[in-house]
Amino acid sequence: MKFTALLLPLTLASTTLASSKTISSALATVDAATTKLGTAVTSWRGDLLGTLPIIAESTALLIEVKKGTKTAKDSAPLDLPATLDVATATNKLVASVNTTLGALISSKKKFDKLLLSPIIYGNLGLQKYATEEMSKAIIAKVPSGLQDLAKGLVAPISKSFELALDTFHP
């Protein structure tokens, strides 16, 4: 009985560590998918056929964000060190999201020329909603005293999405 009582803290600690690693890994995967989408948009010459990689990368990103949401929901609450790991991964993702959304905004005239801006607008709405759901799921795992800080950490993503949505609004 006493041996079991000694193992419980170790089990809980490894669960929290595993949760931070899985959430951080999910964020890294979303970051990589975001970067791929940004690269597809940046290298696009404005032709209709060239939109296929953008569509593929955008779809892959949406799938990864939804997987990240599930990972966060399935994870144990995070302790302070785990929260710091997740915050570091989040900072990296914020930069990638801002860069990718900036690339989309810069390419608006190309999308307009092909009459695709309303589709981009709809897709941005889906991405924003999915991103907000993932953020909420992760913030729910952060210690309550740090949740406002965590909300502030992801706030630039919402602002970038709002700017992109305003730009593509039909």
N, C-alpha and C. Protein backbone atom coordinates (compact mmCIF):
# COMPACT_ATOMS: atom_id res chain seq x y z
N MET A 1 0.82 -1.19 0.00
CA MET A 1 0.00 0.00 0.00
C MET A 1 0.87 1.25 0.00
N LYS A 2 1.89 1.31 0.84
CA LYS A 2 2.76 2.48 0.89
C LYS A 2 3.54 2.63 -0.41
N PHE A 3 3.91 1.53 -1.03
CA PHE A 3 4.64 1.58 -2.29
C PHE A 3 3.78 2.23 -3.38
N THR A 4 2.50 1.90 -3.40
CA THR A 4 1.56 2.49 -4.36
C THR A 4 1.44 3.98 -4.12
N ALA A 5 1.40 4.40 -2.88
CA ALA A 5 1.29 5.82 -2.56
C ALA A 5 2.53 6.58 -3.03
N LEU A 6 3.69 5.93 -3.04
CA LEU A 6 4.90 6.56 -3.53
C LEU A 6 4.90 6.68 -5.05
N LEU A 7 4.29 5.74 -5.73
CA LEU A 7 4.27 5.75 -7.19
C LEU A 7 3.28 6.75 -7.77
N LEU A 8 2.23 7.08 -7.04
CA LEU A 8 1.20 7.98 -7.55
C LEU A 8 1.77 9.33 -7.99
N PRO A 9 2.59 10.01 -7.18
CA PRO A 9 3.15 11.30 -7.65
C PRO A 9 4.00 11.14 -8.91
N LEU A 10 4.74 10.05 -8.98
CA LEU A 10 5.57 9.81 -10.17
C LEU A 10 4.69 9.61 -11.40
N THR A 11 3.60 8.90 -11.24
CA THR A 11 2.68 8.67 -12.35
C THR A 11 2.05 9.98 -12.80
N LEU A 12 1.62 10.79 -11.85
CA LEU A 12 1.01 12.08 -12.19
C LEU A 12 2.02 13.00 -12.86
N ALA A 13 3.25 13.01 -12.39
CA ALA A 13 4.28 13.85 -12.98
C ALA A 13 4.56 13.42 -14.42
N SER A 14 4.62 12.12 -14.66
CA SER A 14 4.89 11.66 -16.02
C SER A 14 3.71 11.94 -16.93
N THR A 15 2.49 11.92 -16.40
CA THR A 15 1.32 12.25 -17.21
C THR A 15 1.36 13.72 -17.62
N THR A 16 1.71 14.61 -16.70
CA THR A 16 1.80 16.03 -17.02
C THR A 16 2.90 16.26 -18.03
N LEU A 17 4.04 15.62 -17.84
CA LEU A 17 5.14 15.75 -18.78
C LEU A 17 4.72 15.25 -20.15
N ALA A 18 4.05 14.11 -20.19
CA ALA A 18 3.58 13.57 -21.47
C ALA A 18 2.59 14.53 -22.10
N SER A 19 1.73 15.14 -21.31
CA SER A 19 0.75 16.08 -21.84
C SER A 19 1.43 17.30 -22.45
N SER A 20 2.43 17.84 -21.77
CA SER A 20 3.11 19.02 -22.32
C SER A 20 3.84 18.64 -23.60
N LYS A 21 4.44 17.47 -23.62
CA LYS A 21 5.16 17.04 -24.82
C LYS A 21 4.19 16.80 -25.96
N THR A 22 3.02 16.20 -25.69
CA THR A 22 2.07 15.95 -26.76
C THR A 22 1.44 17.26 -27.24
N ILE A 23 1.12 18.16 -26.34
CA ILE A 23 0.57 19.45 -26.75
C ILE A 23 1.63 20.23 -27.52
N SER A 24 2.85 20.25 -27.02
CA SER A 24 3.94 20.95 -27.72
C SER A 24 4.19 20.33 -29.08
N SER A 25 4.12 19.02 -29.16
CA SER A 25 4.30 18.32 -30.43
C SER A 25 3.18 18.67 -31.40
N ALA A 26 1.95 18.72 -30.90
CA ALA A 26 0.81 19.10 -31.75
C ALA A 26 0.99 20.52 -32.25
N LEU A 27 1.44 21.42 -31.38
CA LEU A 27 1.68 22.80 -31.80
C LEU A 27 2.79 22.88 -32.84
N ALA A 28 3.82 22.07 -32.68
CA ALA A 28 4.91 22.04 -33.66
C ALA A 28 4.41 21.53 -35.01
N THR A 29 3.52 20.55 -34.98
CA THR A 29 2.95 20.02 -36.22
C THR A 29 2.08 21.08 -36.90
N VAL A 30 1.29 21.78 -36.12
CA VAL A 30 0.46 22.86 -36.67
C VAL A 30 1.37 23.97 -37.22
N ASP A 31 2.45 24.26 -36.52
CA ASP A 31 3.41 25.27 -36.97
C ASP A 31 4.01 24.87 -38.32
N ALA A 32 4.40 23.61 -38.45
CA ALA A 32 4.98 23.13 -39.72
C ALA A 32 3.95 23.22 -40.85
N ALA A 33 2.70 22.85 -40.56
CA ALA A 33 1.65 22.92 -41.58
C ALA A 33 1.36 24.37 -41.96
N THR A 34 1.42 25.26 -40.98
CA THR A 34 1.22 26.70 -41.24
C THR A 34 2.32 27.23 -42.13
N THR A 35 3.54 26.84 -41.85
CA THR A 35 4.68 27.28 -42.66
C THR A 35 4.57 26.75 -44.08
N LYS A 36 4.14 25.49 -44.24
CA LYS A 36 3.97 24.93 -45.59
C LYS A 36 2.92 25.71 -46.37
N LEU A 37 1.82 26.07 -45.70
CA LEU A 37 0.80 26.86 -46.37
C LEU A 37 1.37 28.22 -46.77
N GLY A 38 2.10 28.85 -45.88
CA GLY A 38 2.72 30.14 -46.20
C GLY A 38 3.66 30.04 -47.38
N THR A 39 4.44 28.98 -47.45
CA THR A 39 5.36 28.76 -48.57
C THR A 39 4.58 28.58 -49.87
N ALA A 40 3.48 27.81 -49.81
CA ALA A 40 2.66 27.60 -51.00
C ALA A 40 2.08 28.92 -51.50
N VAL A 41 1.64 29.75 -50.60
CA VAL A 41 1.07 31.05 -50.99
C VAL A 41 2.16 31.97 -51.54
N THR A 42 3.28 32.02 -50.86
CA THR A 42 4.38 32.90 -51.27
C THR A 42 4.93 32.52 -52.64
N SER A 43 5.00 31.23 -52.93
CA SER A 43 5.58 30.79 -54.21
C SER A 43 4.54 30.74 -55.34
N TRP A 44 3.30 30.99 -55.04
CA TRP A 44 2.23 30.96 -56.03
C TRP A 44 2.37 32.12 -57.02
N ARG A 45 2.26 31.79 -58.31
CA ARG A 45 2.42 32.80 -59.36
C ARG A 45 1.09 33.48 -59.75
N GLY A 46 -0.01 32.97 -59.22
CA GLY A 46 -1.29 33.59 -59.51
C GLY A 46 -2.14 32.84 -60.51
N ASP A 47 -1.68 31.65 -60.92
CA ASP A 47 -2.45 30.85 -61.88
C ASP A 47 -3.41 29.91 -61.16
N LEU A 48 -4.44 29.49 -61.87
CA LEU A 48 -5.45 28.63 -61.26
C LEU A 48 -4.87 27.29 -60.82
N LEU A 49 -4.05 26.68 -61.64
CA LEU A 49 -3.44 25.40 -61.28
C LEU A 49 -2.55 25.53 -60.04
N GLY A 50 -1.95 26.67 -59.87
CA GLY A 50 -1.09 26.91 -58.71
C GLY A 50 -1.84 27.01 -57.40
N THR A 51 -3.17 27.08 -57.47
CA THR A 51 -3.95 27.12 -56.23
C THR A 51 -4.07 25.73 -55.59
N LEU A 52 -3.81 24.69 -56.38
CA LEU A 52 -3.94 23.32 -55.84
C LEU A 52 -3.05 23.08 -54.62
N PRO A 53 -1.77 23.45 -54.65
CA PRO A 53 -0.96 23.28 -53.44
C PRO A 53 -1.48 24.11 -52.26
N ILE A 54 -2.03 25.28 -52.55
CA ILE A 54 -2.58 26.11 -51.47
C ILE A 54 -3.78 25.43 -50.85
N ILE A 55 -4.65 24.88 -51.68
CA ILE A 55 -5.83 24.16 -51.18
C ILE A 55 -5.39 22.94 -50.36
N ALA A 56 -4.43 22.20 -50.89
CA ALA A 56 -3.95 21.00 -50.19
C ALA A 56 -3.33 21.36 -48.84
N GLU A 57 -2.49 22.38 -48.81
CA GLU A 57 -1.83 22.76 -47.55
C GLU A 57 -2.82 23.36 -46.56
N SER A 58 -3.80 24.09 -47.06
CA SER A 58 -4.81 24.66 -46.19
C SER A 58 -5.66 23.56 -45.54
N THR A 59 -6.00 22.57 -46.34
CA THR A 59 -6.76 21.43 -45.81
C THR A 59 -5.94 20.65 -44.79
N ALA A 60 -4.68 20.42 -45.11
CA ALA A 60 -3.80 19.70 -44.17
C ALA A 60 -3.67 20.48 -42.86
N LEU A 61 -3.58 21.80 -42.95
CA LEU A 61 -3.48 22.63 -41.75
C LEU A 61 -4.75 22.49 -40.90
N LEU A 62 -5.90 22.56 -41.52
CA LEU A 62 -7.15 22.45 -40.78
C LEU A 62 -7.23 21.10 -40.06
N ILE A 63 -6.81 20.05 -40.73
CA ILE A 63 -6.80 18.71 -40.12
C ILE A 63 -5.87 18.68 -38.91
N GLU A 64 -4.68 19.27 -39.04
CA GLU A 64 -3.72 19.27 -37.92
C GLU A 64 -4.22 20.09 -36.75
N VAL A 65 -4.91 21.20 -37.03
CA VAL A 65 -5.46 22.01 -35.94
C VAL A 65 -6.52 21.22 -35.18
N LYS A 66 -7.36 20.51 -35.91
CA LYS A 66 -8.40 19.69 -35.26
C LYS A 66 -7.77 18.55 -34.44
N LYS A 67 -6.71 17.95 -34.96
CA LYS A 67 -5.99 16.93 -34.20
C LYS A 67 -5.37 17.54 -32.94
N GLY A 68 -4.82 18.74 -33.08
CA GLY A 68 -4.23 19.43 -31.93
C GLY A 68 -5.26 19.73 -30.85
N THR A 69 -6.47 20.05 -31.28
CA THR A 69 -7.56 20.30 -30.33
C THR A 69 -7.87 19.03 -29.55
N LYS A 70 -7.96 17.92 -30.26
CA LYS A 70 -8.24 16.64 -29.60
C LYS A 70 -7.11 16.27 -28.64
N THR A 71 -5.88 16.47 -29.07
CA THR A 71 -4.73 16.18 -28.20
C THR A 71 -4.81 16.99 -26.91
N ALA A 72 -5.12 18.26 -27.05
CA ALA A 72 -5.21 19.13 -25.86
C ALA A 72 -6.35 18.68 -24.95
N LYS A 73 -7.48 18.38 -25.53
CA LYS A 73 -8.63 17.96 -24.72
C LYS A 73 -8.33 16.66 -23.98
N ASP A 74 -7.58 15.77 -24.62
CA ASP A 74 -7.26 14.47 -24.02
C ASP A 74 -6.10 14.53 -23.02
N SER A 75 -5.42 15.66 -22.94
CA SER A 75 -4.24 15.79 -22.08
C SER A 75 -4.62 16.12 -20.64
N ALA A 76 -3.73 15.79 -19.76
CA ALA A 76 -3.89 16.12 -18.35
C ALA A 76 -3.60 17.61 -18.15
N PRO A 77 -4.07 18.19 -17.05
CA PRO A 77 -3.72 19.59 -16.76
C PRO A 77 -2.20 19.77 -16.70
N LEU A 78 -1.75 20.94 -17.07
CA LEU A 78 -0.31 21.22 -17.12
C LEU A 78 0.17 21.88 -15.84
N ASP A 79 1.38 21.52 -15.42
CA ASP A 79 2.00 22.22 -14.30
C ASP A 79 2.81 23.39 -14.89
N LEU A 80 3.49 24.14 -14.03
CA LEU A 80 4.22 25.33 -14.49
C LEU A 80 5.29 25.01 -15.53
N PRO A 81 6.19 24.03 -15.31
CA PRO A 81 7.20 23.75 -16.33
C PRO A 81 6.57 23.32 -17.67
N ALA A 82 5.52 22.53 -17.60
CA ALA A 82 4.86 22.08 -18.82
C ALA A 82 4.20 23.26 -19.53
N THR A 83 3.63 24.17 -18.75
CA THR A 83 3.01 25.37 -19.31
C THR A 83 4.05 26.22 -20.04
N LEU A 84 5.24 26.32 -19.47
CA LEU A 84 6.31 27.08 -20.12
C LEU A 84 6.73 26.44 -21.44
N ASP A 85 6.78 25.10 -21.49
CA ASP A 85 7.09 24.40 -22.74
C ASP A 85 6.05 24.71 -23.81
N VAL A 86 4.79 24.66 -23.41
CA VAL A 86 3.69 24.92 -24.35
C VAL A 86 3.72 26.39 -24.79
N ALA A 87 4.04 27.29 -23.87
CA ALA A 87 4.12 28.72 -24.22
C ALA A 87 5.21 28.97 -25.26
N THR A 88 6.33 28.29 -25.13
CA THR A 88 7.41 28.43 -26.10
C THR A 88 6.96 27.97 -27.49
N ALA A 89 6.29 26.82 -27.54
CA ALA A 89 5.77 26.32 -28.82
C ALA A 89 4.71 27.26 -29.39
N THR A 90 3.92 27.85 -28.51
CA THR A 90 2.88 28.78 -28.95
C THR A 90 3.50 30.04 -29.55
N ASN A 91 4.54 30.56 -28.92
CA ASN A 91 5.22 31.75 -29.46
C ASN A 91 5.71 31.53 -30.88
N LYS A 92 6.27 30.36 -31.12
CA LYS A 92 6.76 30.01 -32.46
C LYS A 92 5.59 29.96 -33.44
N LEU A 93 4.49 29.37 -33.01
CA LEU A 93 3.31 29.26 -33.88
C LEU A 93 2.73 30.64 -34.18
N VAL A 94 2.69 31.52 -33.21
CA VAL A 94 2.16 32.88 -33.43
C VAL A 94 2.92 33.55 -34.58
N ALA A 95 4.23 33.44 -34.57
CA ALA A 95 5.05 34.05 -35.63
C ALA A 95 4.72 33.45 -36.99
N SER A 96 4.56 32.14 -37.05
CA SER A 96 4.26 31.47 -38.32
C SER A 96 2.87 31.86 -38.84
N VAL A 97 1.91 31.92 -37.94
CA VAL A 97 0.55 32.30 -38.33
C VAL A 97 0.56 33.73 -38.89
N ASN A 98 1.23 34.63 -38.20
CA ASN A 98 1.28 36.02 -38.66
C ASN A 98 1.93 36.13 -40.03
N THR A 99 3.00 35.38 -40.26
CA THR A 99 3.69 35.40 -41.55
C THR A 99 2.79 34.83 -42.65
N THR A 100 2.13 33.72 -42.37
CA THR A 100 1.29 33.07 -43.38
C THR A 100 0.07 33.93 -43.72
N LEU A 101 -0.57 34.48 -42.70
CA LEU A 101 -1.72 35.33 -42.97
C LEU A 101 -1.29 36.60 -43.71
N GLY A 102 -0.11 37.09 -43.41
CA GLY A 102 0.43 38.23 -44.15
C GLY A 102 0.65 37.89 -45.62
N ALA A 103 1.13 36.68 -45.89
CA ALA A 103 1.33 36.23 -47.27
C ALA A 103 -0.01 36.14 -48.00
N LEU A 104 -1.03 35.64 -47.32
CA LEU A 104 -2.36 35.58 -47.93
C LEU A 104 -2.87 36.97 -48.26
N ILE A 105 -2.74 37.89 -47.32
CA ILE A 105 -3.19 39.26 -47.53
C ILE A 105 -2.44 39.89 -48.72
N SER A 106 -1.14 39.65 -48.79
CA SER A 106 -0.34 40.19 -49.90
C SER A 106 -0.74 39.61 -51.25
N SER A 107 -1.33 38.43 -51.24
CA SER A 107 -1.73 37.76 -52.49
C SER A 107 -3.18 38.00 -52.86
N LYS A 108 -3.85 38.87 -52.16
CA LYS A 108 -5.28 39.07 -52.38
C LYS A 108 -5.60 39.43 -53.84
N LYS A 109 -4.84 40.29 -54.45
CA LYS A 109 -5.12 40.68 -55.84
C LYS A 109 -5.07 39.48 -56.78
N LYS A 110 -4.18 38.55 -56.52
CA LYS A 110 -4.11 37.33 -57.34
C LYS A 110 -5.38 36.50 -57.16
N PHE A 111 -5.84 36.39 -55.91
CA PHE A 111 -7.07 35.65 -55.64
C PHE A 111 -8.27 36.37 -56.27
N ASP A 112 -8.28 37.70 -56.19
CA ASP A 112 -9.35 38.49 -56.80
C ASP A 112 -9.43 38.24 -58.31
N LYS A 113 -8.28 38.22 -58.95
CA LYS A 113 -8.21 38.02 -60.40
C LYS A 113 -8.87 36.70 -60.82
N LEU A 114 -8.74 35.68 -59.97
CA LEU A 114 -9.33 34.37 -60.26
C LEU A 114 -10.71 34.20 -59.62
N LEU A 115 -11.22 35.28 -59.01
CA LEU A 115 -12.53 35.27 -58.33
C LEU A 115 -12.57 34.28 -57.17
N LEU A 116 -11.45 34.10 -56.51
CA LEU A 116 -11.34 33.13 -55.41
C LEU A 116 -11.37 33.77 -54.02
N SER A 117 -11.40 35.07 -53.94
CA SER A 117 -11.37 35.72 -52.63
C SER A 117 -12.51 35.29 -51.71
N PRO A 118 -13.76 35.11 -52.22
CA PRO A 118 -14.81 34.63 -51.31
C PRO A 118 -14.52 33.24 -50.74
N ILE A 119 -13.86 32.40 -51.50
CA ILE A 119 -13.49 31.06 -51.01
C ILE A 119 -12.42 31.18 -49.93
N ILE A 120 -11.46 32.06 -50.16
CA ILE A 120 -10.41 32.29 -49.16
C ILE A 120 -11.03 32.83 -47.88
N TYR A 121 -11.98 33.74 -48.04
CA TYR A 121 -12.68 34.30 -46.88
C TYR A 121 -13.36 33.19 -46.07
N GLY A 122 -14.08 32.31 -46.74
CA GLY A 122 -14.75 31.20 -46.05
C GLY A 122 -13.76 30.28 -45.36
N ASN A 123 -12.67 29.99 -46.05
CA ASN A 123 -11.65 29.12 -45.48
C ASN A 123 -10.99 29.77 -44.26
N LEU A 124 -10.74 31.07 -44.34
CA LEU A 124 -10.17 31.78 -43.20
C LEU A 124 -11.10 31.71 -41.99
N GLY A 125 -12.40 31.79 -42.23
CA GLY A 125 -13.37 31.67 -41.14
C GLY A 125 -13.29 30.30 -40.48
N LEU A 126 -13.17 29.25 -41.30
CA LEU A 126 -13.04 27.89 -40.75
C LEU A 126 -11.75 27.75 -39.95
N GLN A 127 -10.66 28.26 -40.51
CA GLN A 127 -9.36 28.17 -39.83
C GLN A 127 -9.39 28.94 -38.51
N LYS A 128 -10.00 30.13 -38.52
CA LYS A 128 -10.06 30.93 -37.31
C LYS A 128 -10.85 30.20 -36.22
N TYR A 129 -11.99 29.65 -36.59
CA TYR A 129 -12.81 28.94 -35.62
C TYR A 129 -12.05 27.73 -35.05
N ALA A 130 -11.42 26.95 -35.92
CA ALA A 130 -10.67 25.77 -35.47
C ALA A 130 -9.51 26.18 -34.57
N THR A 131 -8.84 27.27 -34.91
CA THR A 131 -7.73 27.75 -34.10
C THR A 131 -8.19 28.22 -32.73
N GLU A 132 -9.33 28.90 -32.70
CA GLU A 132 -9.87 29.34 -31.41
C GLU A 132 -10.25 28.14 -30.53
N GLU A 133 -10.79 27.10 -31.14
CA GLU A 133 -11.14 25.89 -30.38
C GLU A 133 -9.89 25.23 -29.82
N MET A 134 -8.82 25.16 -30.62
CA MET A 134 -7.58 24.57 -30.14
C MET A 134 -7.00 25.42 -29.00
N SER A 135 -7.03 26.73 -29.16
CA SER A 135 -6.52 27.62 -28.11
C SER A 135 -7.29 27.43 -26.82
N LYS A 136 -8.61 27.37 -26.90
CA LYS A 136 -9.43 27.17 -25.70
C LYS A 136 -9.10 25.85 -25.02
N ALA A 137 -8.92 24.80 -25.82
CA ALA A 137 -8.61 23.48 -25.25
C ALA A 137 -7.26 23.49 -24.54
N ILE A 138 -6.29 24.18 -25.11
CA ILE A 138 -4.96 24.25 -24.48
C ILE A 138 -5.02 25.13 -23.24
N ILE A 139 -5.65 26.28 -23.34
CA ILE A 139 -5.73 27.20 -22.20
C ILE A 139 -6.43 26.54 -21.02
N ALA A 140 -7.40 25.68 -21.29
CA ALA A 140 -8.11 24.97 -20.22
C ALA A 140 -7.17 24.05 -19.43
N LYS A 141 -6.04 23.66 -20.02
CA LYS A 141 -5.08 22.78 -19.34
C LYS A 141 -4.02 23.55 -18.56
N VAL A 142 -3.95 24.86 -18.79
CA VAL A 142 -2.98 25.72 -18.13
C VAL A 142 -3.48 26.01 -16.70
N PRO A 143 -2.58 26.10 -15.72
CA PRO A 143 -3.02 26.46 -14.37
C PRO A 143 -3.86 27.74 -14.39
N SER A 144 -4.91 27.77 -13.58
CA SER A 144 -5.88 28.87 -13.62
C SER A 144 -5.23 30.24 -13.45
N GLY A 145 -4.21 30.33 -12.64
CA GLY A 145 -3.55 31.61 -12.42
C GLY A 145 -2.77 32.12 -13.63
N LEU A 146 -2.56 31.26 -14.60
CA LEU A 146 -1.80 31.65 -15.81
C LEU A 146 -2.68 31.72 -17.05
N GLN A 147 -3.97 31.46 -16.91
CA GLN A 147 -4.83 31.41 -18.08
C GLN A 147 -4.98 32.76 -18.78
N ASP A 148 -5.04 33.84 -18.02
CA ASP A 148 -5.12 35.15 -18.66
C ASP A 148 -3.86 35.45 -19.46
N LEU A 149 -2.73 35.06 -18.91
CA LEU A 149 -1.47 35.22 -19.63
C LEU A 149 -1.47 34.39 -20.91
N ALA A 150 -1.98 33.18 -20.83
CA ALA A 150 -2.06 32.30 -22.00
C ALA A 150 -2.98 32.90 -23.07
N LYS A 151 -4.08 33.49 -22.64
CA LYS A 151 -4.99 34.14 -23.59
C LYS A 151 -4.29 35.30 -24.29
N GLY A 152 -3.49 36.02 -23.54
CA GLY A 152 -2.72 37.12 -24.12
C GLY A 152 -1.68 36.64 -25.11
N LEU A 153 -1.14 35.47 -24.86
CA LEU A 153 -0.12 34.89 -25.74
C LEU A 153 -0.69 34.55 -27.11
N VAL A 154 -1.94 34.09 -27.16
CA VAL A 154 -2.55 33.72 -28.44
C VAL A 154 -3.34 34.85 -29.08
N ALA A 155 -3.51 35.97 -28.37
CA ALA A 155 -4.29 37.09 -28.89
C ALA A 155 -3.79 37.60 -30.26
N PRO A 156 -2.49 37.64 -30.53
CA PRO A 156 -2.05 38.11 -31.85
C PRO A 156 -2.57 37.24 -33.00
N ILE A 157 -2.82 35.97 -32.73
CA ILE A 157 -3.36 35.10 -33.78
C ILE A 157 -4.76 35.57 -34.15
N SER A 158 -5.58 35.84 -33.16
CA SER A 158 -6.95 36.33 -33.43
C SER A 158 -6.91 37.65 -34.19
N LYS A 159 -6.01 38.53 -33.80
CA LYS A 159 -5.90 39.83 -34.47
C LYS A 159 -5.48 39.65 -35.94
N SER A 160 -4.56 38.74 -36.19
CA SER A 160 -4.13 38.48 -37.56
C SER A 160 -5.26 37.88 -38.39
N PHE A 161 -6.02 36.97 -37.79
CA PHE A 161 -7.16 36.41 -38.50
C PHE A 161 -8.20 37.50 -38.81
N GLU A 162 -8.45 38.38 -37.86
CA GLU A 162 -9.41 39.46 -38.09
C GLU A 162 -8.96 40.35 -39.24
N LEU A 163 -7.69 40.68 -39.28
CA LEU A 163 -7.15 41.49 -40.36
C LEU A 163 -7.32 40.78 -41.71
N ALA A 164 -7.00 39.49 -41.74
CA ALA A 164 -7.14 38.73 -42.98
C ALA A 164 -8.60 38.62 -43.40
N LEU A 165 -9.47 38.37 -42.43
CA LEU A 165 -10.92 38.29 -42.75
C LEU A 165 -11.43 39.64 -43.25
N ASP A 166 -11.01 40.73 -42.64
CA ASP A 166 -11.42 42.06 -43.12
C ASP A 166 -10.92 42.29 -44.54
N THR A 167 -9.72 41.84 -44.81
CA THR A 167 -9.13 42.03 -46.16
C THR A 167 -9.92 41.24 -47.21
N PHE A 168 -10.32 40.03 -46.88
CA PHE A 168 -10.99 39.16 -47.87
C PHE A 168 -12.51 39.25 -47.83
N HIS A 169 -13.05 40.06 -46.91
CA HIS A 169 -14.50 40.15 -46.80
C HIS A 169 -15.12 40.56 -48.13
N PRO A 170 -16.10 39.77 -48.60
CA PRO A 170 -16.71 40.09 -49.91
C PRO A 170 -17.48 41.40 -49.92
